[in-house]
Amino acid sequence: MTEIPGLAGLVAPLEAGQFFAEVLGKEPRRFPGEKGRFASLLPWPELDRVLRQHRLEFPRLRLARDGDVVPAHTYTEMVSTRRNGQVPRVLSAPFAEHLRAGATLVLDSVNELVDEVGELAGRLEHDLRERIQVNLYAGWGTTHGFDVHWDDHDAFIIQLSGRKRWRLHGVTRRSPLQRDVELPERPEGEPHDDFLLEDGDVLYLPRGHWHDVSAVGEESLHLTIGFNAATGVDLVAWLADQLRSDELFREDLPRFAGPDARAERAEALRGRLAELAAGDVVDRFLADRDAQAPAQTRVGLPWAATAELLPPDDDFEVRLLVPRAALADGEGTVALVGAGKRLVFAEAARPVLAALLGCAPQPFKVLVDAAPGVPAATVRALLGELVVQGLVARA
């Protein structure tokens, strides 16, 4: 069985707490690892299967060479189907020809296509408390796929196979945003770091750090795990949404009233804003951001489509589909909060819910053992309700 790492597995020998305190959002950091430790996440035959079995439209699947995107029509054709009109199909010969000529293969959101990578994304979303997207990059030649650039998200780069040359050029504008008032200036001079990322290595790269990546004349396969950390701008946007419930902010501004009326309204708005932004506003925002994060897609067929919801025997596993779910205490109750829902259960359900947090598969028997005194039928009924709500599925 493939061992799926979480954050601790990527940043070792640092502890996760050290990573958060010393590295996250501050500086790039390499984490060397044993060759082959990530090979089972996405081996080459699995990439072949994805290309063969999925309809991958541009730009989700694309090729890049020397800083330019290779026109998709040179390696795909549109095929007519009876029900879905025309769909793209990769043409093996020209596709491979571009790769032999030095093009880089890029496949976005590969976590939706490969189970092991999806599991990795779920564990990292649980640890980092942010939405995760995993893109794949494969190259063979000595050219670079993209020119010197910066990204508007943080990233972990996991080298699955081969090596890749990375050159880091530093930052020219700290904490740039996707929608910003100005763009970072292009860096001048030579890179401050130039290294080979080897099979089994991990690189953490904060947003805004200029870099370029080149193949070194051998196979290279890596994953880029991107995530956008919550910012003050996100908090203000969230506050603006909260204000829609307040009549004071829904009212028209007194554009045509006198200066005293406009000043009075401004003072009232400032006062209300100060109330909402007081105290633990950051904690409230982050908790709500987690609570609204969507569930992963996993149905759990065939049983989810039946009245039983789960297999009749006890030899099955389930998983929570909400990586950022949390438990909230009540008076004699416990609530599972996630995916925009708040489900309240008796306090006796706490051990079962706590065991589900983290999204790793959990055997039904282990969940029953976690709650001594609670009948197995009651645990099954609890899980069934979570299945109906789309928060749990058979693993």
Protein backbone atom coordinates (compact mmCIF):
# COMPACT_ATOMS: atom_id res chain seq x y z
CA MET A 1 0.00 0.00 0.00
CA THR A 2 1.31 3.45 -0.93
CA GLU A 3 2.37 5.51 2.07
CA ILE A 4 0.88 8.97 1.60
CA PRO A 5 2.81 11.77 3.34
CA GLY A 6 1.29 14.70 5.15
CA LEU A 7 3.01 18.01 5.84
CA ALA A 8 5.31 16.43 8.44
CA GLY A 9 6.55 13.95 5.86
CA LEU A 10 7.40 16.71 3.39
CA VAL A 11 9.27 19.06 5.72
CA ALA A 12 11.19 16.54 7.86
CA PRO A 13 13.51 16.85 9.70
CA LEU A 14 11.71 20.08 10.63
CA GLU A 15 8.65 19.68 12.81
CA ALA A 16 5.44 21.05 11.32
CA GLY A 17 5.37 23.73 14.03
CA GLN A 18 8.88 24.82 13.12
CA PHE A 19 7.90 25.01 9.47
CA PHE A 20 4.94 27.25 10.27
CA ALA A 21 7.03 29.51 12.51
CA GLU A 22 10.25 29.77 10.50
CA VAL A 23 9.55 29.02 6.83
CA LEU A 24 5.92 29.35 5.73
CA GLY A 25 5.47 32.53 3.72
CA LYS A 26 9.02 33.67 4.48
CA GLU A 27 11.68 31.90 2.43
CA PRO A 28 12.29 28.98 0.06
CA ARG A 29 13.57 25.82 1.68
CA ARG A 30 14.81 22.50 0.28
CA PHE A 31 14.11 19.25 2.10
CA PRO A 32 16.35 16.45 0.75
CA GLY A 33 14.92 12.93 0.76
CA GLU A 34 15.66 9.36 -0.13
CA LYS A 35 15.54 8.49 -3.82
CA GLY A 36 12.28 6.81 -4.85
CA ARG A 37 10.30 7.75 -1.72
CA PHE A 38 7.55 9.39 -3.80
CA ALA A 39 7.68 7.07 -6.82
CA SER A 40 4.45 5.26 -5.98
CA LEU A 41 2.44 8.49 -5.83
CA LEU A 42 2.36 8.72 -9.61
CA PRO A 43 4.54 6.27 -11.56
CA TRP A 44 5.04 6.71 -15.30
CA PRO A 45 2.51 3.97 -16.25
CA GLU A 46 -0.13 5.82 -14.23
CA LEU A 47 0.55 9.01 -16.21
CA ASP A 48 0.19 6.97 -19.41
CA ARG A 49 -3.17 5.69 -18.15
CA VAL A 50 -4.41 9.20 -17.40
CA LEU A 51 -3.46 10.41 -20.88
CA ARG A 52 -5.14 7.37 -22.43
CA GLN A 53 -8.38 7.29 -20.47
CA HIS A 54 -9.30 10.95 -19.89
CA ARG A 55 -10.53 13.71 -22.16
CA LEU A 56 -8.02 16.41 -21.30
CA GLU A 57 -8.80 19.71 -22.95
CA PHE A 58 -6.32 22.57 -23.33
CA PRO A 59 -5.18 24.30 -21.14
CA ARG A 60 -5.60 21.58 -18.50
CA LEU A 61 -3.21 19.47 -20.58
CA ARG A 62 -0.59 21.51 -22.38
CA LEU A 63 2.97 21.48 -23.64
CA ALA A 64 5.46 24.32 -23.16
CA ARG A 65 8.86 24.89 -24.72
CA ASP A 66 11.38 27.73 -24.43
CA GLY A 67 8.89 29.89 -22.58
CA ASP A 68 6.07 29.44 -25.09
CA VAL A 69 2.98 27.24 -25.12
CA VAL A 70 2.96 24.68 -27.93
CA PRO A 71 -0.26 25.00 -30.01
CA ALA A 72 -2.63 22.25 -28.91
CA HIS A 73 -3.77 21.47 -32.46
CA THR A 74 -0.28 20.17 -33.27
CA TYR A 75 -0.65 17.17 -30.94
CA THR A 76 -4.42 16.68 -30.47
CA GLU A 77 -7.42 16.12 -32.67
CA MET A 78 -11.11 16.66 -32.05
CA VAL A 79 -13.13 13.46 -32.27
CA SER A 80 -16.88 13.39 -32.81
CA THR A 81 -19.01 11.43 -30.33
CA ARG A 82 -22.67 10.51 -30.51
CA ARG A 83 -23.75 12.50 -27.45
CA ASN A 84 -21.04 14.96 -26.48
CA GLY A 85 -20.16 16.62 -29.76
CA GLN A 86 -16.41 16.89 -30.31
CA VAL A 87 -13.90 15.95 -27.63
CA PRO A 88 -10.09 16.16 -27.67
CA ARG A 89 -7.83 13.16 -28.13
CA VAL A 90 -4.06 13.13 -27.79
CA LEU A 91 -2.21 12.01 -30.93
CA SER A 92 0.57 9.76 -29.68
CA ALA A 93 3.16 10.35 -32.39
CA PRO A 94 3.22 14.19 -32.56
CA PHE A 95 2.76 14.41 -28.79
CA ALA A 96 5.87 12.29 -28.20
CA GLU A 97 7.73 14.18 -30.94
CA HIS A 98 7.22 17.47 -29.09
CA LEU A 99 8.48 15.85 -25.90
CA ARG A 100 11.59 14.50 -27.65
CA ALA A 101 12.21 18.02 -28.95
CA GLY A 102 12.34 19.35 -25.39
CA ALA A 103 8.75 20.31 -24.55
CA THR A 104 7.51 20.09 -20.97
CA LEU A 105 4.24 18.26 -20.32
CA VAL A 106 1.92 20.09 -17.90
CA LEU A 107 -1.23 18.55 -16.45
CA ASP A 108 -3.34 20.63 -14.04
CA SER A 109 -5.37 19.30 -11.11
CA VAL A 110 -3.90 15.83 -11.32
CA ASN A 111 -5.20 15.30 -7.77
CA GLU A 112 -8.63 14.83 -9.39
CA LEU A 113 -7.32 12.09 -11.69
CA VAL A 114 -5.03 9.93 -9.52
CA ASP A 115 -6.23 8.53 -6.19
CA GLU A 116 -2.86 8.66 -4.44
CA VAL A 117 -2.31 12.29 -5.41
CA GLY A 118 -5.85 13.10 -4.31
CA GLU A 119 -5.10 11.51 -0.94
CA LEU A 120 -1.95 13.62 -0.68
CA ALA A 121 -3.94 16.77 -1.45
CA GLY A 122 -6.53 15.91 1.20
CA ARG A 123 -3.93 15.38 3.89
CA LEU A 124 -2.16 18.62 3.04
CA GLU A 125 -5.43 20.55 3.04
CA HIS A 126 -6.06 19.19 6.53
CA ASP A 127 -2.58 20.26 7.68
CA LEU A 128 -2.34 23.62 5.90
CA ARG A 129 -6.04 24.56 6.23
CA GLU A 130 -6.15 25.84 2.65
CA ARG A 131 -7.47 24.48 -0.64
CA ILE A 132 -4.90 22.44 -2.55
CA GLN A 133 -4.31 22.02 -6.29
CA VAL A 134 -1.66 19.64 -7.62
CA ASN A 135 -0.19 20.09 -11.10
CA LEU A 136 2.18 17.69 -12.83
CA TYR A 137 5.27 18.59 -14.89
CA ALA A 138 7.25 16.11 -16.99
CA GLY A 139 10.29 16.84 -19.16
CA TRP A 140 13.13 15.07 -20.93
CA GLY A 141 15.29 17.57 -22.80
CA THR A 142 17.61 20.40 -21.81
CA THR A 143 15.32 23.34 -22.56
CA HIS A 144 13.13 25.19 -20.07
CA GLY A 145 9.36 25.13 -20.23
CA PHE A 146 8.79 28.63 -18.84
CA ASP A 147 10.86 31.80 -18.56
CA VAL A 148 11.74 33.47 -15.27
CA HIS A 149 8.44 34.07 -13.47
CA TRP A 150 6.73 34.31 -10.10
CA ASP A 151 3.54 32.65 -8.87
CA ASP A 152 0.70 34.15 -6.87
CA HIS A 153 0.49 31.07 -4.64
CA ASP A 154 2.79 29.16 -2.32
CA ALA A 155 3.94 25.76 -3.53
CA PHE A 156 5.58 22.53 -2.55
CA ILE A 157 7.48 20.85 -5.35
CA ILE A 158 7.87 17.08 -5.00
CA GLN A 159 10.43 15.46 -7.30
CA LEU A 160 8.95 12.07 -8.18
CA SER A 161 11.55 10.92 -10.68
CA GLY A 162 14.75 12.23 -12.23
CA ARG A 163 16.16 15.71 -11.60
CA LYS A 164 15.33 19.30 -12.48
CA ARG A 165 17.45 22.45 -12.36
CA TRP A 166 15.99 25.28 -10.32
CA ARG A 167 17.26 28.86 -10.27
CA LEU A 168 15.85 31.19 -7.63
CA HIS A 169 16.01 34.97 -8.15
CA GLY A 170 14.47 36.31 -4.95
CA VAL A 171 11.53 38.70 -4.52
CA THR A 172 11.02 42.19 -5.92
CA ARG A 173 7.65 42.82 -4.24
CA ARG A 174 6.73 41.10 -1.00
CA SER A 175 3.46 39.20 -0.81
CA PRO A 176 2.15 40.04 -4.30
CA LEU A 177 -1.47 39.21 -5.09
CA GLN A 178 -3.19 37.86 -8.18
CA ARG A 179 -5.22 41.10 -8.32
CA ASP A 180 -2.74 43.70 -7.19
CA VAL A 181 -2.18 47.42 -7.63
CA GLU A 182 1.17 46.83 -9.32
CA LEU A 183 3.26 43.95 -10.62
CA PRO A 184 6.64 42.94 -9.20
CA GLU A 185 9.61 44.25 -11.18
CA ARG A 186 11.61 41.67 -13.07
CA PRO A 187 14.78 40.72 -11.14
CA GLU A 188 18.19 41.76 -12.42
CA GLY A 189 21.51 39.92 -12.31
CA GLU A 190 22.24 36.28 -11.62
CA PRO A 191 20.08 34.00 -9.46
CA HIS A 192 20.94 33.80 -5.78
CA ASP A 193 20.51 30.01 -5.78
CA ASP A 194 21.09 27.45 -8.54
CA PHE A 195 20.61 23.75 -7.73
CA LEU A 196 19.34 20.38 -8.87
CA LEU A 197 16.21 19.08 -7.23
CA GLU A 198 16.82 15.33 -6.99
CA ASP A 199 14.48 12.35 -6.94
CA GLY A 200 12.90 12.29 -3.45
CA ASP A 201 13.57 15.97 -2.68
CA VAL A 202 10.96 18.58 -1.74
CA LEU A 203 11.16 22.32 -2.34
CA TYR A 204 8.94 24.88 -0.62
CA LEU A 205 8.54 28.13 -2.56
CA PRO A 206 6.54 31.09 -1.17
CA ARG A 207 4.54 33.23 -3.56
CA GLY A 208 6.31 36.10 -5.26
CA HIS A 209 9.71 34.41 -5.52
CA TRP A 210 11.03 34.64 -9.07
CA HIS A 211 12.34 31.35 -10.48
CA ASP A 212 12.97 29.38 -13.62
CA VAL A 213 13.17 25.63 -14.10
CA SER A 214 15.05 23.60 -16.71
CA ALA A 215 15.37 19.95 -17.65
CA VAL A 216 18.89 18.53 -17.59
CA GLY A 217 18.81 16.04 -20.44
CA GLU A 218 17.13 13.21 -18.54
CA GLU A 219 13.64 12.27 -17.50
CA SER A 220 12.04 14.44 -14.84
CA LEU A 221 8.64 14.14 -13.22
CA HIS A 222 7.48 16.42 -10.44
CA LEU A 223 4.34 17.63 -8.72
CA THR A 224 3.67 21.24 -7.84
CA ILE A 225 1.29 21.51 -4.89
CA GLY A 226 -0.17 25.01 -4.87
CA PHE A 227 -2.16 26.76 -2.17
CA ASN A 228 -3.20 30.35 -1.38
CA ALA A 229 -2.86 31.30 2.26
CA ALA A 230 -5.55 33.59 3.67
CA THR A 231 -4.62 37.29 3.59
CA GLY A 232 -5.90 40.51 5.11
CA VAL A 233 -7.55 41.29 1.78
CA ASP A 234 -9.49 38.01 2.07
CA LEU A 235 -10.57 38.97 5.58
CA VAL A 236 -11.87 42.36 4.41
CA ALA A 237 -13.79 40.69 1.55
CA TRP A 238 -15.31 38.28 4.08
CA LEU A 239 -16.31 41.21 6.31
CA ALA A 240 -17.98 42.87 3.34
CA ASP A 241 -20.10 39.75 2.84
CA GLN A 242 -21.06 39.72 6.52
CA LEU A 243 -22.25 43.33 6.18
CA ARG A 244 -24.99 42.32 3.75
CA SER A 245 -27.06 41.24 6.76
CA ASP A 246 -26.86 44.75 8.24
CA GLU A 247 -29.50 47.21 7.04
CA LEU A 248 -27.16 50.13 7.71
CA PHE A 249 -24.80 48.88 5.01
CA ARG A 250 -27.58 47.89 2.60
CA GLU A 251 -29.04 51.41 2.60
CA ASP A 252 -28.15 53.85 -0.15
CA LEU A 253 -25.46 56.36 0.74
CA PRO A 254 -26.77 59.93 1.15
CA ARG A 255 -25.12 61.21 -2.02
CA PHE A 256 -27.46 64.21 -2.39
CA ALA A 257 -27.81 65.10 1.29
CA GLY A 258 -25.84 67.84 2.98
CA PRO A 259 -22.33 67.43 4.40
CA ASP A 260 -23.63 66.91 7.95
CA ALA A 261 -25.80 63.97 6.87
CA ARG A 262 -22.91 62.37 4.96
CA ALA A 263 -20.58 62.84 7.93
CA GLU A 264 -23.17 61.31 10.24
CA ARG A 265 -23.52 58.27 7.97
CA ALA A 266 -19.74 57.90 7.70
CA GLU A 267 -19.46 57.89 11.48
CA ALA A 268 -22.19 55.26 11.80
CA LEU A 269 -20.49 53.03 9.20
CA ARG A 270 -17.10 53.39 10.88
CA GLY A 271 -18.58 52.49 14.24
CA ARG A 272 -20.29 49.39 12.93
CA LEU A 273 -17.14 48.31 11.09
CA ALA A 274 -15.12 48.73 14.26
CA GLU A 275 -17.57 46.49 16.13
CA LEU A 276 -17.33 43.75 13.53
CA ALA A 277 -13.54 43.97 13.28
CA ALA A 278 -12.99 43.96 17.04
CA GLY A 279 -11.66 41.14 19.18
CA ASP A 280 -11.12 37.75 17.60
CA VAL A 281 -12.02 38.77 14.04
CA VAL A 282 -9.07 36.84 12.58
CA ASP A 283 -10.09 33.66 14.42
CA ARG A 284 -13.72 34.08 13.33
CA PHE A 285 -12.72 34.60 9.71
CA LEU A 286 -10.40 31.60 9.61
CA ALA A 287 -12.95 29.36 11.32
CA ASP A 288 -15.63 30.37 8.83
CA ARG A 289 -13.20 29.91 5.92
CA ASP A 290 -12.57 26.35 7.10
CA ALA A 291 -16.27 25.71 7.71
CA GLN A 292 -17.21 26.76 4.17
CA ALA A 293 -14.46 24.80 2.41
CA PRO A 294 -16.11 22.30 0.03
CA ALA A 295 -16.11 18.55 0.47
CA GLN A 296 -14.09 16.30 -1.80
CA THR A 297 -15.90 14.29 -4.46
CA ARG A 298 -16.33 10.63 -3.55
CA VAL A 299 -19.73 8.95 -3.81
CA GLY A 300 -19.12 5.50 -2.34
CA LEU A 301 -20.95 3.40 -4.92
CA PRO A 302 -22.74 1.09 -5.03
CA TRP A 303 -23.88 1.39 -1.43
CA ALA A 304 -24.48 5.16 -1.31
CA ALA A 305 -27.19 4.67 -3.95
CA THR A 306 -29.06 2.15 -1.79
CA ALA A 307 -31.22 2.48 1.30
CA GLU A 308 -28.50 0.76 3.35
CA LEU A 309 -25.94 3.50 2.47
CA LEU A 310 -23.05 1.30 3.67
CA PRO A 311 -22.07 -2.38 3.20
CA PRO A 312 -24.03 -4.81 5.42
CA ASP A 313 -20.93 -6.50 6.87
CA ASP A 314 -18.43 -4.82 9.18
CA ASP A 315 -15.36 -5.20 6.95
CA PHE A 316 -15.34 -1.80 5.24
CA GLU A 317 -13.64 1.56 5.61
CA VAL A 318 -15.02 5.08 5.44
CA ARG A 319 -13.38 8.45 5.11
CA LEU A 320 -14.38 11.99 5.95
CA LEU A 321 -14.58 14.09 2.78
CA VAL A 322 -14.00 17.45 4.46
CA PRO A 323 -10.28 17.94 5.21
CA ARG A 324 -10.86 21.11 7.24
CA ALA A 325 -13.82 19.89 9.28
CA ALA A 326 -13.81 20.72 12.97
CA LEU A 327 -15.72 19.71 16.09
CA ALA A 328 -17.63 22.29 18.13
CA ASP A 329 -18.77 21.73 21.71
CA GLY A 330 -22.33 22.16 22.89
CA GLU A 331 -24.20 21.42 26.09
CA GLY A 332 -24.18 17.64 26.02
CA THR A 333 -23.67 17.70 22.25
CA VAL A 334 -20.91 17.82 19.68
CA ALA A 335 -21.22 19.39 16.22
CA LEU A 336 -19.34 18.45 13.08
CA VAL A 337 -18.73 21.67 11.13
CA GLY A 338 -17.64 21.54 7.49
CA ALA A 339 -18.66 22.03 3.86
CA GLY A 340 -21.07 24.78 4.93
CA LYS A 341 -22.94 22.45 7.30
CA ARG A 342 -23.23 22.05 11.05
CA LEU A 343 -24.48 18.65 12.16
CA VAL A 344 -25.21 18.23 15.87
CA PHE A 345 -24.95 14.85 17.61
CA ALA A 346 -25.03 13.53 21.15
CA GLU A 347 -21.76 13.83 23.07
CA ALA A 348 -21.28 10.05 22.78
CA ALA A 349 -20.54 10.54 19.06
CA ARG A 350 -17.39 12.55 19.76
CA PRO A 351 -14.86 9.67 19.66
CA VAL A 352 -16.18 8.50 16.29
CA LEU A 353 -16.15 11.99 14.78
CA ALA A 354 -12.69 12.72 16.20
CA ALA A 355 -11.34 9.52 14.64
CA LEU A 356 -12.65 10.62 11.23
CA LEU A 357 -10.91 14.01 11.28
CA GLY A 358 -7.92 14.11 8.98
CA CYS A 359 -9.63 12.27 6.11
CA ALA A 360 -7.56 9.07 6.35
CA PRO A 361 -9.59 5.88 5.73
CA GLN A 362 -10.95 4.42 8.96
CA PRO A 363 -12.17 0.82 9.36
CA PHE A 364 -15.72 0.57 10.66
CA LYS A 365 -14.58 -1.76 13.44
CA VAL A 366 -12.01 0.79 14.63
CA LEU A 367 -14.72 3.46 14.82
CA VAL A 368 -16.93 1.13 16.86
CA ASP A 369 -14.03 0.41 19.23
CA ALA A 370 -13.39 4.17 19.57
CA ALA A 371 -16.74 4.63 21.30
CA PRO A 372 -17.11 1.97 24.04
CA GLY A 373 -20.68 1.55 25.13
CA VAL A 374 -22.11 2.85 21.84
CA PRO A 375 -23.76 0.01 19.89
CA ALA A 376 -22.35 -0.76 16.44
CA ALA A 377 -25.80 -0.10 14.98
CA THR A 378 -25.69 3.43 16.39
CA VAL A 379 -22.26 4.06 14.89
CA ARG A 380 -23.57 2.76 11.57
CA ALA A 381 -26.56 5.09 11.77
CA LEU A 382 -24.23 8.04 12.51
CA LEU A 383 -22.08 7.22 9.50
CA GLY A 384 -25.18 6.77 7.37
CA GLU A 385 -26.33 10.29 8.21
CA LEU A 386 -22.91 11.64 7.25
CA VAL A 387 -23.14 9.75 3.95
CA VAL A 388 -26.53 11.32 3.25
CA GLN A 389 -25.03 14.77 3.97
CA GLY A 390 -22.13 14.13 1.58
CA LEU A 391 -19.53 14.37 4.34
CA VAL A 392 -18.47 10.70 4.48
CA ALA A 393 -18.09 7.96 1.87
CA ARG A 394 -17.00 4.38 1.82
CA ALA A 395 -13.26 4.38 1.14
